């Protein structure tokens, strides 16, 4: 994942308007079927659990064979992308499509994670292990997410309109860079090792992109909180959980890439 198009300032607007003829918070409290932050947290935990289940399965298959089953990577990657698009454009379907996205993305993540583990110090073993680069990436993802949640909760960093605009521009830049450097230019035989390899410039770029992914979490937290305060319909809990998971997957993959570059220098 190169970025998160799932959340933007208009995400909840068209659903909220018909649910609150009165004041925002008063109507949100009066709606028993309204979105809540707690409900979104529960849904996020469910999606993460589903992704972990299929991820461990693909991990075990890859470790046993020494290479990832191509079918799982293709089905997980392409299927997850399609499920994400459907969820974004059909938000009312999120209670169904978000779990499907999580299951399919888990297939892809398990295989990709195992590839990194095997190439950077992992062993050919059955069973899931947190040793090595994958454990480091998971730990960093949890740590960064917790840190950003603290910064947001205590309003150490306030999500203003200027900050939102800046983060969105940075996301567009990160997506554009990844597409050009990792996909488009290599198709034309252009050597992009200077910005995709393990040199200082490439590592610096990865650090910046990881920072963009981390700051994207602030937008997720803010828009989920505002959606709950506005009395958005209950299905938006699934949509909010899906959007947050998209960012977490992006952050995790970027951290894996950064750690692999750092280990390649050793």
Protein backbone atom coordinates (compact mmCIF):
# COMPACT_ATOMS: atom_id res chain seq x y z
CA UNK A 1 0.00 0.00 0.00
CA UNK A 2 1.38 3.38 -0.94
CA UNK A 3 -1.08 5.63 0.83
CA UNK A 4 -4.56 5.91 2.23
CA UNK A 5 -7.27 7.39 0.00
CA UNK A 6 -10.01 6.01 2.23
CA UNK A 7 -10.31 8.96 4.60
CA UNK A 8 -10.83 12.56 3.59
CA UNK A 9 -12.74 15.57 4.85
CA UNK A 10 -15.90 14.54 2.94
CA UNK A 11 -15.91 10.91 4.07
CA UNK A 12 -18.76 11.27 6.54
CA UNK A 13 -20.56 14.34 5.17
CA UNK A 14 -23.16 12.75 2.92
CA UNK A 15 -24.13 10.17 5.54
CA UNK A 16 -24.15 12.56 8.48
CA UNK A 17 -26.41 15.23 6.99
CA UNK A 18 -29.50 13.06 6.98
CA UNK A 19 -28.82 11.81 10.51
CA UNK A 20 -28.60 15.14 12.30
CA UNK A 21 -31.31 17.74 11.71
CA UNK A 22 -30.35 19.29 15.06
CA UNK A 23 -27.04 19.97 16.77
CA UNK A 24 -24.14 17.67 15.99
CA UNK A 25 -23.38 16.26 19.42
CA UNK A 26 -27.00 16.26 20.60
CA UNK A 27 -28.11 14.24 17.58
CA UNK A 28 -25.13 11.88 17.86
CA UNK A 29 -26.09 11.09 21.46
CA UNK A 30 -29.73 10.55 20.47
CA UNK A 31 -28.91 8.05 17.72
CA UNK A 32 -28.60 4.48 19.06
CA UNK A 33 -27.30 3.33 15.67
CA UNK A 34 -24.69 6.07 15.34
CA UNK A 35 -20.98 5.53 14.89
CA UNK A 36 -18.85 5.56 18.06
CA UNK A 37 -15.10 5.66 18.62
CA UNK A 38 -15.29 2.58 20.84
CA UNK A 39 -17.20 0.66 18.18
CA UNK A 40 -14.58 1.61 15.60
CA UNK A 41 -11.83 0.35 17.91
CA UNK A 42 -13.60 -3.00 18.24
CA UNK A 43 -14.00 -3.27 14.48
CA UNK A 44 -10.33 -2.42 13.97
CA UNK A 45 -9.36 -5.22 16.35
CA UNK A 46 -11.54 -7.65 14.39
CA UNK A 47 -9.95 -6.65 11.08
CA UNK A 48 -6.45 -6.97 12.51
CA UNK A 49 -7.32 -10.39 13.91
CA UNK A 50 -8.59 -11.59 10.54
CA UNK A 51 -5.46 -10.31 8.79
CA UNK A 52 -3.22 -12.00 11.35
CA UNK A 53 -5.00 -15.35 10.87
CA UNK A 54 -4.52 -15.45 7.10
CA UNK A 55 -1.08 -13.87 7.43
CA UNK A 56 0.16 -16.63 9.73
CA UNK A 57 -1.20 -19.22 7.29
CA UNK A 58 0.72 -17.75 4.34
CA UNK A 59 3.78 -17.26 6.55
CA UNK A 60 3.82 -20.97 7.44
CA UNK A 61 3.33 -21.99 3.81
CA UNK A 62 6.21 -19.77 2.71
CA UNK A 63 8.57 -20.88 5.47
CA UNK A 64 7.87 -24.54 4.76
CA UNK A 65 8.51 -24.15 1.03
CA UNK A 66 11.31 -21.61 1.27
CA UNK A 67 9.47 -19.33 -1.16
CA UNK A 68 6.01 -17.74 -1.17
CA UNK A 69 3.16 -19.47 -3.03
CA UNK A 70 2.51 -17.11 -5.93
CA UNK A 71 -1.22 -17.79 -5.86
CA UNK A 72 -1.60 -16.46 -2.32
CA UNK A 73 0.34 -13.30 -3.13
CA UNK A 74 -1.69 -12.66 -6.28
CA UNK A 75 -5.06 -13.41 -4.71
CA UNK A 76 -4.19 -11.45 -1.60
CA UNK A 77 -2.69 -8.44 -3.36
CA UNK A 78 -5.12 -8.07 -6.24
CA UNK A 79 -8.15 -9.22 -4.27
CA UNK A 80 -7.32 -6.91 -1.39
CA UNK A 81 -6.92 -3.98 -3.76
CA UNK A 82 -10.31 -4.67 -5.36
CA UNK A 83 -11.97 -5.05 -1.95
CA UNK A 84 -10.43 -1.74 -0.88
CA UNK A 85 -11.77 0.06 -3.94
CA UNK A 86 -15.25 -1.38 -3.42
CA UNK A 87 -15.17 -0.31 0.24
CA UNK A 88 -14.09 3.22 -0.64
CA UNK A 89 -16.78 3.75 -3.26
CA UNK A 90 -19.53 1.73 -1.52
CA UNK A 91 -19.16 2.70 2.12
CA UNK A 92 -22.46 1.08 3.10
CA UNK A 93 -20.94 -2.28 2.12
CA UNK A 94 -18.06 -1.85 4.59
CA UNK A 95 -19.43 -4.37 7.15
CA UNK A 96 -18.89 -7.05 4.47
CA UNK A 97 -16.08 -5.72 2.29
CA UNK A 98 -13.80 -4.55 5.13
CA UNK A 99 -13.44 -8.08 6.60
CA UNK A 100 -12.87 -9.44 3.09
CA UNK A 101 -10.14 -6.82 2.61
CA UNK A 102 -8.54 -7.85 5.90
CA UNK A 103 -8.52 -11.55 5.04
CA UNK A 104 -7.07 -11.01 1.57
CA UNK A 105 -4.51 -8.45 2.70
CA UNK A 106 -3.39 -10.86 5.41
CA UNK A 107 -2.58 -13.43 2.73
CA UNK A 108 -0.36 -10.91 0.98
CA UNK A 109 1.27 -9.61 4.17
CA UNK A 110 2.13 -13.10 5.40
CA UNK A 111 3.95 -13.93 2.19
CA UNK A 112 5.72 -10.59 1.93
CA UNK A 113 6.77 -10.74 5.58
CA UNK A 114 8.16 -14.25 5.15
CA UNK A 115 10.17 -13.13 2.12
CA UNK A 116 11.79 -10.37 4.16
CA UNK A 117 12.42 -12.79 7.04
CA UNK A 118 14.11 -15.32 4.77
CA UNK A 119 16.22 -12.71 2.99
CA UNK A 120 17.32 -10.85 6.12
CA UNK A 121 18.32 -13.42 8.69
CA UNK A 122 15.21 -15.58 8.97
CA UNK A 123 15.27 -19.36 9.11
CA UNK A 124 13.28 -21.99 7.24
CA UNK A 125 11.02 -22.97 10.12
CA UNK A 126 7.38 -23.78 10.54
CA UNK A 127 5.39 -21.65 12.96
CA UNK A 128 5.26 -17.91 13.31
CA UNK A 129 8.21 -16.15 14.90
CA UNK A 130 8.74 -12.56 15.92
CA UNK A 131 12.52 -12.85 15.70
CA UNK A 132 14.32 -10.82 13.07
CA UNK A 133 13.23 -8.07 10.73
CA UNK A 134 9.51 -8.89 10.84
CA UNK A 135 9.38 -8.70 14.61
CA UNK A 136 11.22 -5.39 14.48
CA UNK A 137 8.77 -4.01 11.91
CA UNK A 138 5.76 -5.15 13.95
CA UNK A 139 7.22 -3.65 17.10
CA UNK A 140 7.96 -0.35 15.37
CA UNK A 141 4.47 -0.24 13.85
CA UNK A 142 2.88 -0.74 17.28
CA UNK A 143 5.23 1.79 18.86
CA UNK A 144 4.71 4.45 16.20
CA UNK A 145 0.94 3.98 16.31
CA UNK A 146 0.90 4.30 20.09
CA UNK A 147 3.09 7.39 19.95
CA UNK A 148 0.89 9.08 17.36
CA UNK A 149 -2.24 8.19 19.36
CA UNK A 150 -0.72 9.82 22.45
CA UNK A 151 0.25 12.91 20.46
CA UNK A 152 -3.29 13.12 19.11
CA UNK A 153 -5.15 12.32 22.35
CA UNK A 154 -3.33 14.95 24.38
CA UNK A 155 -3.48 17.42 21.47
CA UNK A 156 0.30 17.73 21.46
CA UNK A 157 -0.15 17.83 17.70
CA UNK A 158 -3.44 19.40 16.64
CA UNK A 159 -4.96 18.33 13.34
CA UNK A 160 -5.68 21.66 11.66
CA UNK A 161 -6.76 22.36 8.09
CA UNK A 162 -3.18 23.31 7.21
CA UNK A 163 -1.84 20.08 8.68
CA UNK A 164 -4.43 18.03 6.79
CA UNK A 165 -3.51 19.74 3.54
CA UNK A 166 0.17 19.18 4.21
CA UNK A 167 -0.29 15.49 4.99
CA UNK A 168 -2.44 14.96 1.89
CA UNK A 169 0.21 16.60 -0.29
CA UNK A 170 2.88 14.44 1.32
CA UNK A 171 0.81 11.29 0.71
CA UNK A 172 0.43 12.20 -2.96
CA UNK A 173 4.17 12.75 -3.16
CA UNK A 174 4.93 9.41 -1.50
CA UNK A 175 2.52 7.55 -3.78
CA UNK A 176 3.97 9.27 -6.84
CA UNK A 177 7.54 8.48 -5.82
CA UNK A 178 6.82 4.80 -5.17
CA UNK A 179 4.99 4.37 -8.46
CA UNK A 180 7.73 6.06 -10.47
CA UNK A 181 10.77 4.64 -8.67
CA UNK A 182 9.58 1.08 -8.10
CA UNK A 183 7.26 0.48 -11.06
CA UNK A 184 7.36 2.90 -13.99
CA UNK A 185 11.09 3.62 -14.38
CA UNK A 186 12.19 -0.04 -13.96
CA UNK A 187 9.77 -0.99 -16.75
CA UNK A 188 11.83 1.22 -19.07
CA UNK A 189 15.12 -0.20 -17.84
CA UNK A 190 16.08 2.85 -15.77
CA UNK A 191 18.37 2.11 -12.82
CA UNK A 192 16.75 3.52 -9.66
CA UNK A 193 19.19 2.01 -7.16
CA UNK A 194 20.24 5.45 -5.95
CA UNK A 195 16.76 6.09 -4.52
CA UNK A 196 15.55 2.52 -3.93
CA UNK A 197 18.72 0.77 -2.78
CA UNK A 198 20.52 0.89 0.54
CA UNK A 199 22.47 4.12 0.08
CA UNK A 200 22.11 7.21 2.30
CA UNK A 201 19.69 8.93 -0.10
CA UNK A 202 17.45 5.87 -0.39
CA UNK A 203 17.40 5.39 3.37
CA UNK A 204 16.60 9.06 3.89
CA UNK A 205 13.69 8.83 1.47
CA UNK A 206 12.36 5.76 3.28
CA UNK A 207 12.55 7.57 6.62
CA UNK A 208 10.55 10.47 5.18
CA UNK A 209 7.89 8.15 3.72
CA UNK A 210 7.60 6.32 7.04
CA UNK A 211 7.07 9.72 8.66
CA UNK A 212 4.31 10.53 6.18
CA UNK A 213 2.60 7.22 6.95
CA UNK A 214 2.87 7.92 10.67
CA UNK A 215 1.34 11.38 10.34
CA UNK A 216 -1.44 9.88 8.23
CA UNK A 217 -2.55 8.12 11.42
CA UNK A 218 -3.36 11.53 12.90
CA UNK A 219 -5.81 12.16 10.07
CA UNK A 220 -7.39 8.77 10.64
CA UNK A 221 -7.84 9.42 14.37
CA UNK A 222 -9.24 12.90 13.72
CA UNK A 223 -11.74 11.90 11.07
CA UNK A 224 -12.95 8.88 13.05
CA UNK A 225 -13.48 11.08 16.10
CA UNK A 226 -15.29 13.72 14.06
CA UNK A 227 -17.43 11.09 12.38
CA UNK A 228 -18.51 9.73 15.76
CA UNK A 229 -19.22 13.23 17.08
CA UNK A 230 -21.30 13.98 13.99
CA UNK A 231 -23.55 10.96 14.43
CA UNK A 232 -22.44 9.09 11.30
CA UNK A 233 -24.35 5.82 10.68
CA UNK A 234 -23.20 2.61 12.35
CA UNK A 235 -21.68 1.08 9.21
CA UNK A 236 -19.09 3.86 9.24
CA UNK A 237 -17.44 2.13 12.20
CA UNK A 238 -16.42 -0.59 9.76
CA UNK A 239 -15.35 1.99 7.23
CA UNK A 240 -13.30 3.90 9.79
CA UNK A 241 -11.66 0.65 10.93
CA UNK A 242 -10.90 -0.25 7.32
CA UNK A 243 -9.35 3.15 6.64
CA UNK A 244 -7.18 2.94 9.76
CA UNK A 245 -6.04 -0.53 8.77
CA UNK A 246 -5.03 0.69 5.31
CA UNK A 247 -2.68 3.17 6.97
CA UNK A 248 -1.32 0.55 9.39
CA UNK A 249 -0.57 -1.82 6.50
CA UNK A 250 1.17 0.97 4.60
CA UNK A 251 3.23 1.94 7.66
CA UNK A 252 4.22 -1.67 8.34
CA UNK A 253 5.36 -2.28 4.75
CA UNK A 254 7.35 0.96 4.66
CA UNK A 255 9.04 0.06 7.95
CA UNK A 256 9.91 -3.37 6.55
CA UNK A 257 11.45 -1.69 3.52
CA UNK A 258 13.42 0.75 5.68
CA UNK A 259 14.74 -2.00 7.96
CA UNK A 260 15.78 -4.09 4.95
CA UNK A 261 17.76 -1.16 3.57
CA UNK A 262 19.48 -0.63 6.90
CA UNK A 263 20.38 -4.32 7.20
CA UNK A 264 21.70 -4.35 3.63
CA UNK A 265 24.35 -1.84 4.69
CA UNK A 266 25.75 -4.14 7.38
